[in-house]
Amino acid sequence: MSGFGGGLPDAAVVGDAIFAGSLGSAKASYSRLFANVRDKILALPDDTLLLPGHGPLMTADEEKHNNPFFF
């Protein structure tokens, strides 16, 4: 998928909601954070580049298959 044109991948700034191989922290509701990440961020197209607030970039597909919080 190339929403930006010029062959660049689609991207989503996910901030502290999810990190490579981990889940962010929720000050209010862990179950709500988990559900939102699962239902909104991981529902993005597999090749969507995720830009977390800290750490390396990853794709939605990498997190679906490698993040232990979502097995």
N, C-alpha and C. Protein backbone atom coordinates (compact mmCIF):
# COMPACT_ATOMS: atom_id res chain seq x y z
N MET A 1 0.85 -1.17 0.00
CA MET A 1 0.00 0.00 0.00
C MET A 1 0.89 1.23 0.00
N SER A 2 0.51 2.25 -0.69
CA SER A 2 1.35 3.43 -0.78
C SER A 2 0.48 4.68 -0.77
N GLY A 3 -0.02 5.05 0.38
CA GLY A 3 -0.90 6.19 0.51
C GLY A 3 -0.22 7.53 0.34
N PHE A 4 1.10 7.60 0.55
CA PHE A 4 1.81 8.86 0.46
C PHE A 4 2.28 9.15 -0.97
N GLY A 5 2.21 8.18 -1.82
CA GLY A 5 2.72 8.36 -3.17
C GLY A 5 4.23 8.19 -3.18
N GLY A 6 4.79 8.06 -4.33
CA GLY A 6 6.23 7.93 -4.44
C GLY A 6 6.80 6.65 -3.85
N GLY A 7 5.95 5.64 -3.67
CA GLY A 7 6.43 4.36 -3.17
C GLY A 7 6.63 4.28 -1.67
N LEU A 8 6.25 5.31 -0.93
CA LEU A 8 6.41 5.28 0.52
C LEU A 8 5.28 4.50 1.16
N PRO A 9 5.56 3.78 2.25
CA PRO A 9 4.49 3.02 2.92
C PRO A 9 3.58 3.94 3.73
N ASP A 10 2.36 3.47 4.00
CA ASP A 10 1.49 4.19 4.92
C ASP A 10 2.10 4.10 6.30
N ALA A 11 1.83 5.09 7.13
CA ALA A 11 2.40 5.10 8.47
C ALA A 11 1.37 5.61 9.46
N ALA A 12 1.53 5.19 10.72
CA ALA A 12 0.67 5.64 11.80
C ALA A 12 1.55 5.99 12.99
N VAL A 13 1.38 7.20 13.50
CA VAL A 13 2.08 7.60 14.71
C VAL A 13 1.29 7.04 15.88
N VAL A 14 1.86 6.07 16.59
CA VAL A 14 1.14 5.37 17.65
C VAL A 14 1.57 5.81 19.04
N GLY A 15 2.56 6.68 19.10
CA GLY A 15 3.00 7.23 20.38
C GLY A 15 3.35 6.16 21.39
N ASP A 16 2.81 6.28 22.60
CA ASP A 16 3.13 5.34 23.67
C ASP A 16 2.09 4.24 23.82
N ALA A 17 1.23 4.06 22.84
CA ALA A 17 0.20 3.01 22.91
C ALA A 17 0.82 1.62 22.75
N ILE A 18 1.79 1.52 21.86
CA ILE A 18 2.44 0.23 21.59
C ILE A 18 3.89 0.49 21.22
N PHE A 19 4.75 -0.43 21.64
CA PHE A 19 6.17 -0.38 21.31
C PHE A 19 6.52 -1.71 20.65
N ALA A 20 7.67 -1.78 20.01
CA ALA A 20 8.08 -3.02 19.35
C ALA A 20 8.14 -4.14 20.39
N GLY A 21 7.26 -5.11 20.26
CA GLY A 21 7.23 -6.26 21.15
C GLY A 21 6.67 -5.99 22.52
N SER A 22 5.99 -4.87 22.70
CA SER A 22 5.47 -4.52 24.02
C SER A 22 4.20 -3.70 23.87
N LEU A 23 3.60 -3.40 25.00
CA LEU A 23 2.39 -2.59 25.04
C LEU A 23 2.68 -1.40 25.92
N GLY A 24 2.09 -0.26 25.60
CA GLY A 24 2.29 0.93 26.41
C GLY A 24 1.64 0.79 27.77
N SER A 25 1.71 1.84 28.55
CA SER A 25 1.06 1.80 29.86
C SER A 25 -0.23 2.58 29.81
N ALA A 26 -1.17 2.14 30.61
CA ALA A 26 -2.47 2.81 30.67
C ALA A 26 -2.68 3.35 32.08
N LYS A 27 -2.87 4.64 32.18
CA LYS A 27 -3.10 5.23 33.49
C LYS A 27 -4.53 5.03 33.95
N ALA A 28 -5.43 4.78 33.02
CA ALA A 28 -6.84 4.64 33.38
C ALA A 28 -7.31 3.20 33.29
N SER A 29 -7.12 2.56 32.13
CA SER A 29 -7.69 1.23 31.94
C SER A 29 -6.82 0.40 31.00
N TYR A 30 -6.16 -0.59 31.57
CA TYR A 30 -5.34 -1.49 30.76
C TYR A 30 -6.19 -2.21 29.72
N SER A 31 -7.37 -2.69 30.12
CA SER A 31 -8.21 -3.44 29.18
C SER A 31 -8.65 -2.56 28.01
N ARG A 32 -8.86 -1.30 28.27
CA ARG A 32 -9.25 -0.38 27.19
C ARG A 32 -8.07 -0.12 26.24
N LEU A 33 -6.87 0.06 26.81
CA LEU A 33 -5.68 0.23 25.98
C LEU A 33 -5.47 -0.99 25.11
N PHE A 34 -5.51 -2.18 25.72
CA PHE A 34 -5.33 -3.43 24.99
C PHE A 34 -6.33 -3.53 23.84
N ALA A 35 -7.61 -3.29 24.13
CA ALA A 35 -8.65 -3.40 23.10
C ALA A 35 -8.45 -2.39 21.98
N ASN A 36 -8.07 -1.17 22.32
CA ASN A 36 -7.87 -0.15 21.28
C ASN A 36 -6.68 -0.48 20.40
N VAL A 37 -5.59 -0.96 20.99
CA VAL A 37 -4.43 -1.34 20.18
C VAL A 37 -4.81 -2.50 19.27
N ARG A 38 -5.45 -3.50 19.83
CA ARG A 38 -5.84 -4.68 19.05
C ARG A 38 -6.82 -4.31 17.93
N ASP A 39 -7.83 -3.52 18.26
CA ASP A 39 -8.92 -3.25 17.32
C ASP A 39 -8.64 -2.12 16.35
N LYS A 40 -7.73 -1.22 16.70
CA LYS A 40 -7.48 -0.07 15.82
C LYS A 40 -6.09 -0.09 15.20
N ILE A 41 -5.06 -0.26 16.01
CA ILE A 41 -3.70 -0.22 15.46
C ILE A 41 -3.36 -1.51 14.72
N LEU A 42 -3.63 -2.66 15.34
CA LEU A 42 -3.30 -3.92 14.68
C LEU A 42 -4.28 -4.29 13.57
N ALA A 43 -5.35 -3.52 13.43
CA ALA A 43 -6.29 -3.73 12.33
C ALA A 43 -5.86 -2.97 11.07
N LEU A 44 -4.81 -2.18 11.19
CA LEU A 44 -4.30 -1.46 10.02
C LEU A 44 -3.72 -2.46 9.03
N PRO A 45 -3.59 -2.06 7.77
CA PRO A 45 -2.98 -2.97 6.79
C PRO A 45 -1.60 -3.44 7.27
N ASP A 46 -1.27 -4.67 6.97
CA ASP A 46 -0.05 -5.31 7.46
C ASP A 46 1.21 -4.49 7.20
N ASP A 47 1.29 -3.82 6.07
CA ASP A 47 2.51 -3.10 5.73
C ASP A 47 2.55 -1.68 6.28
N THR A 48 1.59 -1.30 7.11
CA THR A 48 1.59 0.03 7.72
C THR A 48 2.75 0.15 8.69
N LEU A 49 3.55 1.16 8.51
CA LEU A 49 4.68 1.42 9.38
C LEU A 49 4.17 2.08 10.66
N LEU A 50 4.51 1.51 11.81
CA LEU A 50 4.09 2.06 13.10
C LEU A 50 5.24 2.86 13.69
N LEU A 51 4.95 4.09 14.09
CA LEU A 51 5.97 4.98 14.64
C LEU A 51 5.67 5.20 16.12
N PRO A 52 6.33 4.43 17.00
CA PRO A 52 6.09 4.56 18.44
C PRO A 52 6.81 5.78 19.01
N GLY A 53 6.43 6.14 20.23
CA GLY A 53 7.07 7.26 20.90
C GLY A 53 8.51 6.96 21.30
N HIS A 54 8.85 5.69 21.44
CA HIS A 54 10.19 5.27 21.83
C HIS A 54 10.53 3.97 21.11
N GLY A 55 11.78 3.77 20.81
CA GLY A 55 12.22 2.50 20.24
C GLY A 55 12.11 2.44 18.73
N PRO A 56 12.37 1.24 18.20
CA PRO A 56 12.42 1.08 16.75
C PRO A 56 11.05 1.12 16.09
N LEU A 57 11.06 1.44 14.80
CA LEU A 57 9.85 1.39 13.98
C LEU A 57 9.52 -0.07 13.73
N MET A 58 8.25 -0.35 13.46
CA MET A 58 7.83 -1.70 13.15
C MET A 58 6.61 -1.61 12.24
N THR A 59 6.17 -2.74 11.72
CA THR A 59 4.96 -2.76 10.91
C THR A 59 3.84 -3.40 11.72
N ALA A 60 2.62 -3.16 11.29
CA ALA A 60 1.47 -3.79 11.95
C ALA A 60 1.60 -5.31 11.89
N ASP A 61 2.06 -5.83 10.78
CA ASP A 61 2.22 -7.28 10.63
C ASP A 61 3.25 -7.83 11.61
N GLU A 62 4.36 -7.15 11.78
CA GLU A 62 5.38 -7.61 12.72
C GLU A 62 4.81 -7.70 14.14
N GLU A 63 4.03 -6.72 14.52
CA GLU A 63 3.47 -6.74 15.87
C GLU A 63 2.38 -7.80 16.02
N LYS A 64 1.59 -8.02 14.98
CA LYS A 64 0.58 -9.08 15.04
C LYS A 64 1.21 -10.45 15.28
N HIS A 65 2.38 -10.66 14.72
CA HIS A 65 3.01 -11.98 14.79
C HIS A 65 4.11 -12.10 15.84
N ASN A 66 4.61 -11.01 16.37
CA ASN A 66 5.76 -11.07 17.27
C ASN A 66 5.54 -10.46 18.64
N ASN A 67 4.47 -9.72 18.83
CA ASN A 67 4.25 -9.05 20.11
C ASN A 67 3.57 -10.03 21.07
N PRO A 68 4.24 -10.43 22.15
CA PRO A 68 3.68 -11.45 23.06
C PRO A 68 2.39 -11.02 23.75
N PHE A 69 2.09 -9.75 23.79
CA PHE A 69 0.83 -9.29 24.40
C PHE A 69 -0.39 -9.70 23.59
N PHE A 70 -0.18 -10.05 22.31
CA PHE A 70 -1.31 -10.33 21.42
C PHE A 70 -1.33 -11.76 20.91
N PHE A 71 -0.66 -12.68 21.56
CA PHE A 71 -0.71 -14.09 21.17
C PHE A 71 -1.96 -14.72 21.73
